[in-house]
Amino acid sequence: MSKVTPDMLKNKEVFDSTGVKVGKIHDVVREQYKRISADFLEVQLIKRVNLGPKIIVKVRTRDAELMEDGSVKVKFTKDELKTMLKEQELQKHPPTI
């Protein structure tokens, strides 16, 4: 079996744990920390109206599985991905008191 590169994964469809299409892979990112490095899939979620900024949530590659047809299945539901998105936005821009 051949190795899968990040360029091969771009624009692949992403399905949640229930089998519903939630979006496509926007990018594959490696983040360096003090002792480890972690790989993330940036999933661009599907919006009803395709206006405004892209809705992108980061999912660890450990929580994703490559299917035989080339699509990717994550271990979360669509609602859990939306909750993760809110948490990631709060980490980037914490509320001021």
PDB file of N, CA and C in Angstrom:
ATOM      1  N   MET A   1       0.834  -1.171   0.000  1.00  0.00           N
ATOM      2  CA  MET A   1       0.000   0.000   0.000  1.00  0.00           C
ATOM      3  C   MET A   1       0.886   1.244   0.000  1.00  0.00           C
ATOM      4  N   SER A   2       0.532   2.224  -0.776  1.00  0.00           N
ATOM      5  CA  SER A   2       1.349   3.426  -0.887  1.00  0.00           C
ATOM      6  C   SER A   2       1.030   4.408   0.233  1.00  0.00           C
ATOM      7  N   LYS A   3       1.955   5.301   0.464  1.00  0.00           N
ATOM      8  CA  LYS A   3       1.764   6.339   1.475  1.00  0.00           C
ATOM      9  C   LYS A   3       0.834   7.419   0.941  1.00  0.00           C
ATOM     10  N   VAL A   4       0.044   7.994   1.811  1.00  0.00           N
ATOM     11  CA  VAL A   4      -0.870   9.076   1.442  1.00  0.00           C
ATOM     12  C   VAL A   4      -0.208  10.390   1.830  1.00  0.00           C
ATOM     13  N   THR A   5      -0.074  11.295   0.877  1.00  0.00           N
ATOM     14  CA  THR A   5       0.525  12.594   1.144  1.00  0.00           C
ATOM     15  C   THR A   5      -0.572  13.617   1.421  1.00  0.00           C
ATOM     16  N   PRO A   6      -0.231  14.728   2.076  1.00  0.00           N
ATOM     17  CA  PRO A   6      -1.243  15.760   2.336  1.00  0.00           C
ATOM     18  C   PRO A   6      -1.881  16.314   1.063  1.00  0.00           C
ATOM     19  N   ASP A   7      -1.112  16.410  -0.017  1.00  0.00           N
ATOM     20  CA  ASP A   7      -1.678  16.926  -1.267  1.00  0.00           C
ATOM     21  C   ASP A   7      -2.744  15.995  -1.829  1.00  0.00           C
ATOM     22  N   MET A   8      -2.626  14.704  -1.559  1.00  0.00           N
ATOM     23  CA  MET A   8      -3.627  13.749  -2.036  1.00  0.00           C
ATOM     24  C   MET A   8      -4.960  13.915  -1.302  1.00  0.00           C
ATOM     25  N   LEU A   9      -4.915  14.424  -0.071  1.00  0.00           N
ATOM     26  CA  LEU A   9      -6.127  14.527   0.737  1.00  0.00           C
ATOM     27  C   LEU A   9      -6.928  15.798   0.478  1.00  0.00           C
ATOM     28  N   LYS A  10      -6.316  16.811  -0.108  1.00  0.00           N
ATOM     29  CA  LYS A  10      -7.025  18.080  -0.312  1.00  0.00           C
ATOM     30  C   LYS A  10      -8.233  17.876  -1.212  1.00  0.00           C
ATOM     31  N   ASN A  11      -9.323  18.550  -0.857  1.00  0.00           N
ATOM     32  CA  ASN A  11     -10.603  18.530  -1.574  1.00  0.00           C
ATOM     33  C   ASN A  11     -11.306  17.171  -1.547  1.00  0.00           C
ATOM     34  N   LYS A  12     -10.919  16.280  -0.645  1.00  0.00           N
ATOM     35  CA  LYS A  12     -11.639  15.017  -0.476  1.00  0.00           C
ATOM     36  C   LYS A  12     -12.860  15.252   0.407  1.00  0.00           C
ATOM     37  N   GLU A  13     -13.913  14.492   0.169  1.00  0.00           N
ATOM     38  CA  GLU A  13     -15.140  14.629   0.952  1.00  0.00           C
ATOM     39  C   GLU A  13     -14.936  14.075   2.360  1.00  0.00           C
ATOM     40  N   VAL A  14     -15.615  14.703   3.330  1.00  0.00           N
ATOM     41  CA  VAL A  14     -15.526  14.289   4.727  1.00  0.00           C
ATOM     42  C   VAL A  14     -16.926  13.916   5.207  1.00  0.00           C
ATOM     43  N   PHE A  15     -17.030  12.750   5.837  1.00  0.00           N
ATOM     44  CA  PHE A  15     -18.291  12.264   6.389  1.00  0.00           C
ATOM     45  C   PHE A  15     -18.151  12.148   7.897  1.00  0.00           C
ATOM     46  N   ASP A  16     -19.265  12.352   8.623  1.00  0.00           N
ATOM     47  CA  ASP A  16     -19.217  12.218  10.075  1.00  0.00           C
ATOM     48  C   ASP A  16     -19.450  10.766  10.475  1.00  0.00           C
ATOM     49  N   SER A  17     -19.531  10.514  11.778  1.00  0.00           N
ATOM     50  CA  SER A  17     -19.647   9.140  12.268  1.00  0.00           C
ATOM     51  C   SER A  17     -20.967   8.486  11.887  1.00  0.00           C
ATOM     52  N   THR A  18     -21.991   9.282  11.551  1.00  0.00           N
ATOM     53  CA  THR A  18     -23.276   8.720  11.140  1.00  0.00           C
ATOM     54  C   THR A  18     -23.376   8.538   9.631  1.00  0.00           C
ATOM     55  N   GLY A  19     -22.355   8.951   8.890  1.00  0.00           N
ATOM     56  CA  GLY A  19     -22.354   8.777   7.444  1.00  0.00           C
ATOM     57  C   GLY A  19     -22.872   9.963   6.662  1.00  0.00           C
ATOM     58  N   VAL A  20     -23.100  11.100   7.325  1.00  0.00           N
ATOM     59  CA  VAL A  20     -23.604  12.306   6.666  1.00  0.00           C
ATOM     60  C   VAL A  20     -22.416  13.137   6.184  1.00  0.00           C
ATOM     61  N   LYS A  21     -22.499  13.646   4.956  1.00  0.00           N
ATOM     62  CA  LYS A  21     -21.425  14.483   4.424  1.00  0.00           C
ATOM     63  C   LYS A  21     -21.413  15.813   5.167  1.00  0.00           C
ATOM     64  N   VAL A  22     -20.253  16.181   5.725  1.00  0.00           N
ATOM     65  CA  VAL A  22     -20.149  17.421   6.491  1.00  0.00           C
ATOM     66  C   VAL A  22     -19.294  18.476   5.803  1.00  0.00           C
ATOM     67  N   GLY A  23     -18.489  18.094   4.825  1.00  0.00           N
ATOM     68  CA  GLY A  23     -17.653  19.081   4.154  1.00  0.00           C
ATOM     69  C   GLY A  23     -16.559  18.424   3.346  1.00  0.00           C
ATOM     70  N   LYS A  24     -15.472  19.194   3.149  1.00  0.00           N
ATOM     71  CA  LYS A  24     -14.315  18.685   2.422  1.00  0.00           C
ATOM     72  C   LYS A  24     -13.049  19.150   3.120  1.00  0.00           C
ATOM     73  N   ILE A  25     -11.946  18.477   2.828  1.00  0.00           N
ATOM     74  CA  ILE A  25     -10.674  18.814   3.452  1.00  0.00           C
ATOM     75  C   ILE A  25     -10.114  20.052   2.771  1.00  0.00           C
ATOM     76  N   HIS A  26      -9.828  21.067   3.575  1.00  0.00           N
ATOM     77  CA  HIS A  26      -9.280  22.317   3.057  1.00  0.00           C
ATOM     78  C   HIS A  26      -7.761  22.255   3.025  1.00  0.00           C
ATOM     79  N   ASP A  27      -7.157  21.702   4.080  1.00  0.00           N
ATOM     80  CA  ASP A  27      -5.703  21.652   4.166  1.00  0.00           C
ATOM     81  C   ASP A  27      -5.299  20.630   5.224  1.00  0.00           C
ATOM     82  N   VAL A  28      -4.039  20.211   5.171  1.00  0.00           N
ATOM     83  CA  VAL A  28      -3.461  19.339   6.188  1.00  0.00           C
ATOM     84  C   VAL A  28      -2.326  20.124   6.838  1.00  0.00           C
ATOM     85  N   VAL A  29      -2.396  20.294   8.168  1.00  0.00           N
ATOM     86  CA  VAL A  29      -1.466  21.163   8.882  1.00  0.00           C
ATOM     87  C   VAL A  29      -0.727  20.358   9.940  1.00  0.00           C
ATOM     88  N   ARG A  30       0.575  20.620  10.080  1.00  0.00           N
ATOM     89  CA  ARG A  30       1.367  20.030  11.163  1.00  0.00           C
ATOM     90  C   ARG A  30       1.734  21.147  12.126  1.00  0.00           C
ATOM     91  N   GLU A  31       1.375  20.973  13.397  1.00  0.00           N
ATOM     92  CA  GLU A  31       1.686  21.973  14.413  1.00  0.00           C
ATOM     93  C   GLU A  31       2.769  21.423  15.329  1.00  0.00           C
ATOM     94  N   GLN A  32       3.783  22.243  15.582  1.00  0.00           N
ATOM     95  CA  GLN A  32       4.900  21.866  16.435  1.00  0.00           C
ATOM     96  C   GLN A  32       4.649  22.398  17.843  1.00  0.00           C
ATOM     97  N   TYR A  33       4.817  21.533  18.819  1.00  0.00           N
ATOM     98  CA  TYR A  33       4.755  21.917  20.215  1.00  0.00           C
ATOM     99  C   TYR A  33       6.122  21.646  20.831  1.00  0.00           C
ATOM    100  N   LYS A  34       6.282  21.854  22.144  1.00  0.00           N
ATOM    101  CA  LYS A  34       7.602  21.704  22.757  1.00  0.00           C
ATOM    102  C   LYS A  34       8.177  20.302  22.571  1.00  0.00           C
ATOM    103  N   ARG A  35       7.370  19.284  22.823  1.00  0.00           N
ATOM    104  CA  ARG A  35       7.891  17.916  22.788  1.00  0.00           C
ATOM    105  C   ARG A  35       7.333  17.061  21.657  1.00  0.00           C
ATOM    106  N   ILE A  36       6.215  17.460  21.089  1.00  0.00           N
ATOM    107  CA  ILE A  36       5.595  16.641  20.048  1.00  0.00           C
ATOM    108  C   ILE A  36       5.165  17.511  18.877  1.00  0.00           C
ATOM    109  N   SER A  37       4.824  16.855  17.810  1.00  0.00           N
ATOM    110  CA  SER A  37       4.168  17.539  16.688  1.00  0.00           C
ATOM    111  C   SER A  37       2.860  16.801  16.417  1.00  0.00           C
ATOM    112  N   ALA A  38       1.835  17.544  16.029  1.00  0.00           N
ATOM    113  CA  ALA A  38       0.517  16.962  15.796  1.00  0.00           C
ATOM    114  C   ALA A  38       0.037  17.353  14.407  1.00  0.00           C
ATOM    115  N   ASP A  39      -0.583  16.401  13.724  1.00  0.00           N
ATOM    116  CA  ASP A  39      -1.134  16.663  12.400  1.00  0.00           C
ATOM    117  C   ASP A  39      -2.634  16.882  12.516  1.00  0.00           C
ATOM    118  N   PHE A  40      -3.122  17.879  11.791  1.00  0.00           N
ATOM    119  CA  PHE A  40      -4.538  18.216  11.804  1.00  0.00           C
ATOM    120  C   PHE A  40      -5.075  18.271  10.386  1.00  0.00           C
ATOM    121  N   LEU A  41      -6.324  17.848  10.224  1.00  0.00           N
ATOM    122  CA  LEU A  41      -7.058  18.054   8.982  1.00  0.00           C
ATOM    123  C   LEU A  41      -7.924  19.287   9.181  1.00  0.00           C
ATOM    124  N   GLU A  42      -7.802  20.252   8.289  1.00  0.00           N
ATOM    125  CA  GLU A  42      -8.687  21.409   8.341  1.00  0.00           C
ATOM    126  C   GLU A  42      -9.885  21.092   7.460  1.00  0.00           C
ATOM    127  N   VAL A  43     -11.045  20.897   8.083  1.00  0.00           N
ATOM    128  CA  VAL A  43     -12.264  20.515   7.376  1.00  0.00           C
ATOM    129  C   VAL A  43     -13.106  21.764   7.149  1.00  0.00           C
ATOM    130  N   GLN A  44     -13.415  22.031   5.890  1.00  0.00           N
ATOM    131  CA  GLN A  44     -14.292  23.151   5.547  1.00  0.00           C
ATOM    132  C   GLN A  44     -15.718  22.631   5.559  1.00  0.00           C
ATOM    133  N   LEU A  45     -16.517  23.112   6.524  1.00  0.00           N
ATOM    134  CA  LEU A  45     -17.883  22.633   6.684  1.00  0.00           C
ATOM    135  C   LEU A  45     -18.787  23.194   5.595  1.00  0.00           C
ATOM    136  N   ILE A  46     -19.810  22.426   5.259  1.00  0.00           N
ATOM    137  CA  ILE A  46     -20.785  22.842   4.251  1.00  0.00           C
ATOM    138  C   ILE A  46     -21.715  23.881   4.869  1.00  0.00           C
ATOM    139  N   LYS A  47     -21.950  24.961   4.131  1.00  0.00           N
ATOM    140  CA  LYS A  47     -22.899  25.987   4.566  1.00  0.00           C
ATOM    141  C   LYS A  47     -24.099  25.951   3.637  1.00  0.00           C
ATOM    142  N   ARG A  48     -25.249  26.389   4.152  1.00  0.00           N
ATOM    143  CA  ARG A  48     -26.456  26.431   3.316  1.00  0.00           C
ATOM    144  C   ARG A  48     -26.302  27.458   2.206  1.00  0.00           C
ATOM    145  N   VAL A  49     -25.813  28.648   2.546  1.00  0.00           N
ATOM    146  CA  VAL A  49     -25.581  29.705   1.570  1.00  0.00           C
ATOM    147  C   VAL A  49     -24.075  29.911   1.478  1.00  0.00           C
ATOM    148  N   ASN A  50     -23.533  29.867   0.292  1.00  0.00           N
ATOM    149  CA  ASN A  50     -22.087  29.914   0.111  1.00  0.00           C
ATOM    150  C   ASN A  50     -21.583  31.357   0.057  1.00  0.00           C
ATOM    151  N   LEU A  51     -21.901  32.148   1.069  1.00  0.00           N
ATOM    152  CA  LEU A  51     -21.436  33.525   1.176  1.00  0.00           C
ATOM    153  C   LEU A  51     -20.653  33.694   2.464  1.00  0.00           C
ATOM    154  N   GLY A  52     -19.759  34.661   2.496  1.00  0.00           N
ATOM    155  CA  GLY A  52     -19.012  34.960   3.705  1.00  0.00           C
ATOM    156  C   GLY A  52     -17.777  34.093   3.843  1.00  0.00           C
ATOM    157  N   PRO A  53     -17.132  34.175   5.010  1.00  0.00           N
ATOM    158  CA  PRO A  53     -15.890  33.419   5.218  1.00  0.00           C
ATOM    159  C   PRO A  53     -16.144  31.913   5.309  1.00  0.00           C
ATOM    160  N   LYS A  54     -15.089  31.156   5.044  1.00  0.00           N
ATOM    161  CA  LYS A  54     -15.178  29.699   5.131  1.00  0.00           C
ATOM    162  C   LYS A  54     -15.240  29.279   6.593  1.00  0.00           C
ATOM    163  N   ILE A  55     -16.016  28.249   6.869  1.00  0.00           N
ATOM    164  CA  ILE A  55     -16.110  27.697   8.221  1.00  0.00           C
ATOM    165  C   ILE A  55     -15.170  26.499   8.271  1.00  0.00           C
ATOM    166  N   ILE A  56     -14.032  26.670   8.968  1.00  0.00           N
ATOM    167  CA  ILE A  56     -13.002  25.635   8.990  1.00  0.00           C
ATOM    168  C   ILE A  56     -12.781  25.182  10.428  1.00  0.00           C
ATOM    169  N   VAL A  57     -12.841  23.872  10.643  1.00  0.00           N
ATOM    170  CA  VAL A  57     -12.600  23.280  11.958  1.00  0.00           C
ATOM    171  C   VAL A  57     -11.418  22.318  11.825  1.00  0.00           C
ATOM    172  N   LYS A  58     -10.556  22.292  12.864  1.00  0.00           N
ATOM    173  CA  LYS A  58      -9.394  21.402  12.857  1.00  0.00           C
ATOM    174  C   LYS A  58      -9.753  20.091  13.551  1.00  0.00           C
ATOM    175  N   VAL A  59      -9.397  18.984  12.903  1.00  0.00           N
ATOM    176  CA  VAL A  59      -9.635  17.654  13.452  1.00  0.00           C
ATOM    177  C   VAL A  59      -8.307  16.906  13.423  1.00  0.00           C
ATOM    178  N   ARG A  60      -7.944  16.269  14.525  1.00  0.00           N
ATOM    179  CA  ARG A  60      -6.690  15.502  14.553  1.00  0.00           C
ATOM    180  C   ARG A  60      -6.775  14.335  13.588  1.00  0.00           C
ATOM    181  N   THR A  61      -5.658  14.000  12.991  1.00  0.00           N
ATOM    182  CA  THR A  61      -5.648  12.891  12.044  1.00  0.00           C
ATOM    183  C   THR A  61      -5.931  11.565  12.741  1.00  0.00           C
ATOM    184  N   ARG A  62      -5.670  11.479  14.038  1.00  0.00           N
ATOM    185  CA  ARG A  62      -5.988  10.258  14.790  1.00  0.00           C
ATOM    186  C   ARG A  62      -7.490  10.020  14.857  1.00  0.00           C
ATOM    187  N   ASP A  63      -8.261  11.099  14.766  1.00  0.00           N
ATOM    188  CA  ASP A  63      -9.715  10.997  14.845  1.00  0.00           C
ATOM    189  C   ASP A  63     -10.358  10.867  13.475  1.00  0.00           C
ATOM    190  N   ALA A  64      -9.564  10.621  12.447  1.00  0.00           N
ATOM    191  CA  ALA A  64     -10.086  10.483  11.091  1.00  0.00           C
ATOM    192  C   ALA A  64      -9.637   9.150  10.504  1.00  0.00           C
ATOM    193  N   GLU A  65     -10.441   8.653   9.582  1.00  0.00           N
ATOM    194  CA  GLU A  65     -10.162   7.359   8.964  1.00  0.00           C
ATOM    195  C   GLU A  65     -10.346   7.493   7.456  1.00  0.00           C
ATOM    196  N   LEU A  66      -9.377   7.011   6.696  1.00  0.00           N
ATOM    197  CA  LEU A  66      -9.442   7.065   5.239  1.00  0.00           C
ATOM    198  C   LEU A  66     -10.249   5.871   4.737  1.00  0.00           C
ATOM    199  N   MET A  67     -11.307   6.151   3.985  1.00  0.00           N
ATOM    200  CA  MET A  67     -12.166   5.095   3.454  1.00  0.00           C
ATOM    201  C   MET A  67     -11.583   4.575   2.138  1.00  0.00           C
ATOM    202  N   GLU A  68     -12.099   3.452   1.660  1.00  0.00           N
ATOM    203  CA  GLU A  68     -11.566   2.836   0.447  1.00  0.00           C
ATOM    204  C   GLU A  68     -11.856   3.647  -0.806  1.00  0.00           C
ATOM    205  N   ASP A  69     -12.950   4.427  -0.806  1.00  0.00           N
ATOM    206  CA  ASP A  69     -13.283   5.222  -1.987  1.00  0.00           C
ATOM    207  C   ASP A  69     -12.527   6.551  -2.022  1.00  0.00           C
ATOM    208  N   GLY A  70     -11.651   6.800  -1.051  1.00  0.00           N
ATOM    209  CA  GLY A  70     -10.850   8.017  -1.032  1.00  0.00           C
ATOM    210  C   GLY A  70     -11.401   9.104  -0.139  1.00  0.00           C
ATOM    211  N   SER A  71     -12.612   8.939   0.369  1.00  0.00           N
ATOM    212  CA  SER A  71     -13.174   9.941   1.269  1.00  0.00           C
ATOM    213  C   SER A  71     -12.648   9.705   2.687  1.00  0.00           C
ATOM    214  N   VAL A  72     -12.936  10.642   3.573  1.00  0.00           N
ATOM    215  CA  VAL A  72     -12.453  10.580   4.948  1.00  0.00           C
ATOM    216  C   VAL A  72     -13.651  10.558   5.889  1.00  0.00           C
ATOM    217  N   LYS A  73     -13.577   9.710   6.910  1.00  0.00           N
ATOM    218  CA  LYS A  73     -14.640   9.630   7.913  1.00  0.00           C
ATOM    219  C   LYS A  73     -14.049  10.048   9.252  1.00  0.00           C
ATOM    220  N   VAL A  74     -14.682  11.024   9.912  1.00  0.00           N
ATOM    221  CA  VAL A  74     -14.222  11.475  11.224  1.00  0.00           C
ATOM    222  C   VAL A  74     -15.066  10.818  12.310  1.00  0.00           C
ATOM    223  N   LYS A  75     -14.536  10.782  13.524  1.00  0.00           N
ATOM    224  CA  LYS A  75     -15.203  10.087  14.623  1.00  0.00           C
ATOM    225  C   LYS A  75     -16.189  10.969  15.377  1.00  0.00           C
ATOM    226  N   PHE A  76     -16.622  12.072  14.772  1.00  0.00           N
ATOM    227  CA  PHE A  76     -17.532  13.002  15.420  1.00  0.00           C
ATOM    228  C   PHE A  76     -18.778  13.180  14.574  1.00  0.00           C
ATOM    229  N   THR A  77     -19.866  13.624  15.216  1.00  0.00           N
ATOM    230  CA  THR A  77     -21.073  13.979  14.471  1.00  0.00           C
ATOM    231  C   THR A  77     -20.958  15.433  14.028  1.00  0.00           C
ATOM    232  N   LYS A  78     -21.883  15.861  13.184  1.00  0.00           N
ATOM    233  CA  LYS A  78     -21.845  17.237  12.682  1.00  0.00           C
ATOM    234  C   LYS A  78     -22.021  18.241  13.825  1.00  0.00           C
ATOM    235  N   ASP A  79     -22.885  17.924  14.789  1.00  0.00           N
ATOM    236  CA  ASP A  79     -23.085  18.821  15.930  1.00  0.00           C
ATOM    237  C   ASP A  79     -21.825  18.928  16.784  1.00  0.00           C
ATOM    238  N   GLU A  80     -21.124  17.808  16.973  1.00  0.00           N
ATOM    239  CA  GLU A  80     -19.876  17.841  17.738  1.00  0.00           C
ATOM    240  C   GLU A  80     -18.815  18.661  17.014  1.00  0.00           C
ATOM    241  N   LEU A  81     -18.779  18.594  15.684  1.00  0.00           N
ATOM    242  CA  LEU A  81     -17.831  19.404  14.919  1.00  0.00           C
ATOM    243  C   LEU A  81     -18.135  20.891  15.071  1.00  0.00           C
ATOM    244  N   LYS A  82     -19.410  21.250  15.106  1.00  0.00           N
ATOM    245  CA  LYS A  82     -19.776  22.655  15.299  1.00  0.00           C
ATOM    246  C   LYS A  82     -19.385  23.128  16.697  1.00  0.00           C
ATOM    247  N   THR A  83     -19.521  22.254  17.699  1.00  0.00           N
ATOM    248  CA  THR A  83     -19.098  22.591  19.052  1.00  0.00           C
ATOM    249  C   THR A  83     -17.584  22.774  19.102  1.00  0.00           C
ATOM    250  N   MET A  84     -16.842  21.902  18.420  1.00  0.00           N
ATOM    251  CA  MET A  84     -15.388  22.036  18.352  1.00  0.00           C
ATOM    252  C   MET A  84     -14.993  23.351  17.690  1.00  0.00           C
ATOM    253  N   LEU A  85     -15.742  23.757  16.681  1.00  0.00           N
ATOM    254  CA  LEU A  85     -15.474  25.016  15.991  1.00  0.00           C
ATOM    255  C   LEU A  85     -15.599  26.195  16.953  1.00  0.00           C
ATOM    256  N   LYS A  86     -16.653  26.206  17.756  1.00  0.00           N
ATOM    257  CA  LYS A  86     -16.849  27.284  18.733  1.00  0.00           C
ATOM    258  C   LYS A  86     -15.704  27.307  19.748  1.00  0.00           C
ATOM    259  N   GLU A  87     -15.272  26.124  20.209  1.00  0.00           N
ATOM    260  CA  GLU A  87     -14.180  26.047  21.176  1.00  0.00           C
ATOM    261  C   GLU A  87     -12.878  26.561  20.572  1.00  0.00           C
ATOM    262  N   GLN A  88     -12.615  26.214  19.306  1.00  0.00           N
ATOM    263  CA  GLN A  88     -11.393  26.671  18.651  1.00  0.00           C
ATOM    264  C   GLN A  88     -11.407  28.178  18.426  1.00  0.00           C
ATOM    265  N   GLU A  89     -12.572  28.749  18.127  1.00  0.00           N
ATOM    266  CA  GLU A  89     -12.677  30.202  17.975  1.00  0.00           C
ATOM    267  C   GLU A  89     -12.419  30.902  19.307  1.00  0.00           C
ATOM    268  N   LEU A  90     -12.906  30.313  20.414  1.00  0.00           N
ATOM    269  CA  LEU A  90     -12.666  30.907  21.728  1.00  0.00           C
ATOM    270  C   LEU A  90     -11.195  30.823  22.124  1.00  0.00           C
ATOM    271  N   GLN A  91     -10.491  29.773  21.698  1.00  0.00           N
ATOM    272  CA  GLN A  91      -9.064  29.673  21.978  1.00  0.00           C
ATOM    273  C   GLN A  91      -8.282  30.739  21.215  1.00  0.00           C
ATOM    274  N   LYS A  92      -8.673  31.012  19.974  1.00  0.00           N
ATOM    275  CA  LYS A  92      -7.979  32.030  19.177  1.00  0.00           C
ATOM    276  C   LYS A  92      -8.253  33.429  19.711  1.00  0.00           C
ATOM    277  N   HIS A  93      -9.516  33.704  20.047  1.00  0.00           N
ATOM    278  CA  HIS A  93      -9.933  35.027  20.496  1.00  0.00           C
ATOM    279  C   HIS A  93     -10.684  34.892  21.816  1.00  0.00           C
ATOM    280  N   PRO A  94      -9.954  34.791  22.930  1.00  0.00           N
ATOM    281  CA  PRO A  94     -10.637  34.632  24.217  1.00  0.00           C
ATOM    282  C   PRO A  94     -11.401  35.901  24.584  1.00  0.00           C
ATOM    283  N   PRO A  95     -12.501  35.745  25.306  1.00  0.00           N
ATOM    284  CA  PRO A  95     -13.267  36.930  25.704  1.00  0.00           C
ATOM    285  C   PRO A  95     -12.487  37.773  26.711  1.00  0.00           C
ATOM    286  N   THR A  96     -12.627  39.075  26.599  1.00  0.00           N
ATOM    287  CA  THR A  96     -11.954  39.971  27.540  1.00  0.00           C
ATOM    288  C   THR A  96     -12.913  40.339  28.660  1.00  0.00           C
ATOM    289  N   ILE A  97     -12.345  40.491  29.837  1.00  0.00           N
ATOM    290  CA  ILE A  97     -13.173  40.806  31.009  1.00  0.00           C
ATOM    291  C   ILE A  97     -12.916  42.236  31.425  1.00  0.00           C
TER     292      ILE A  97
END
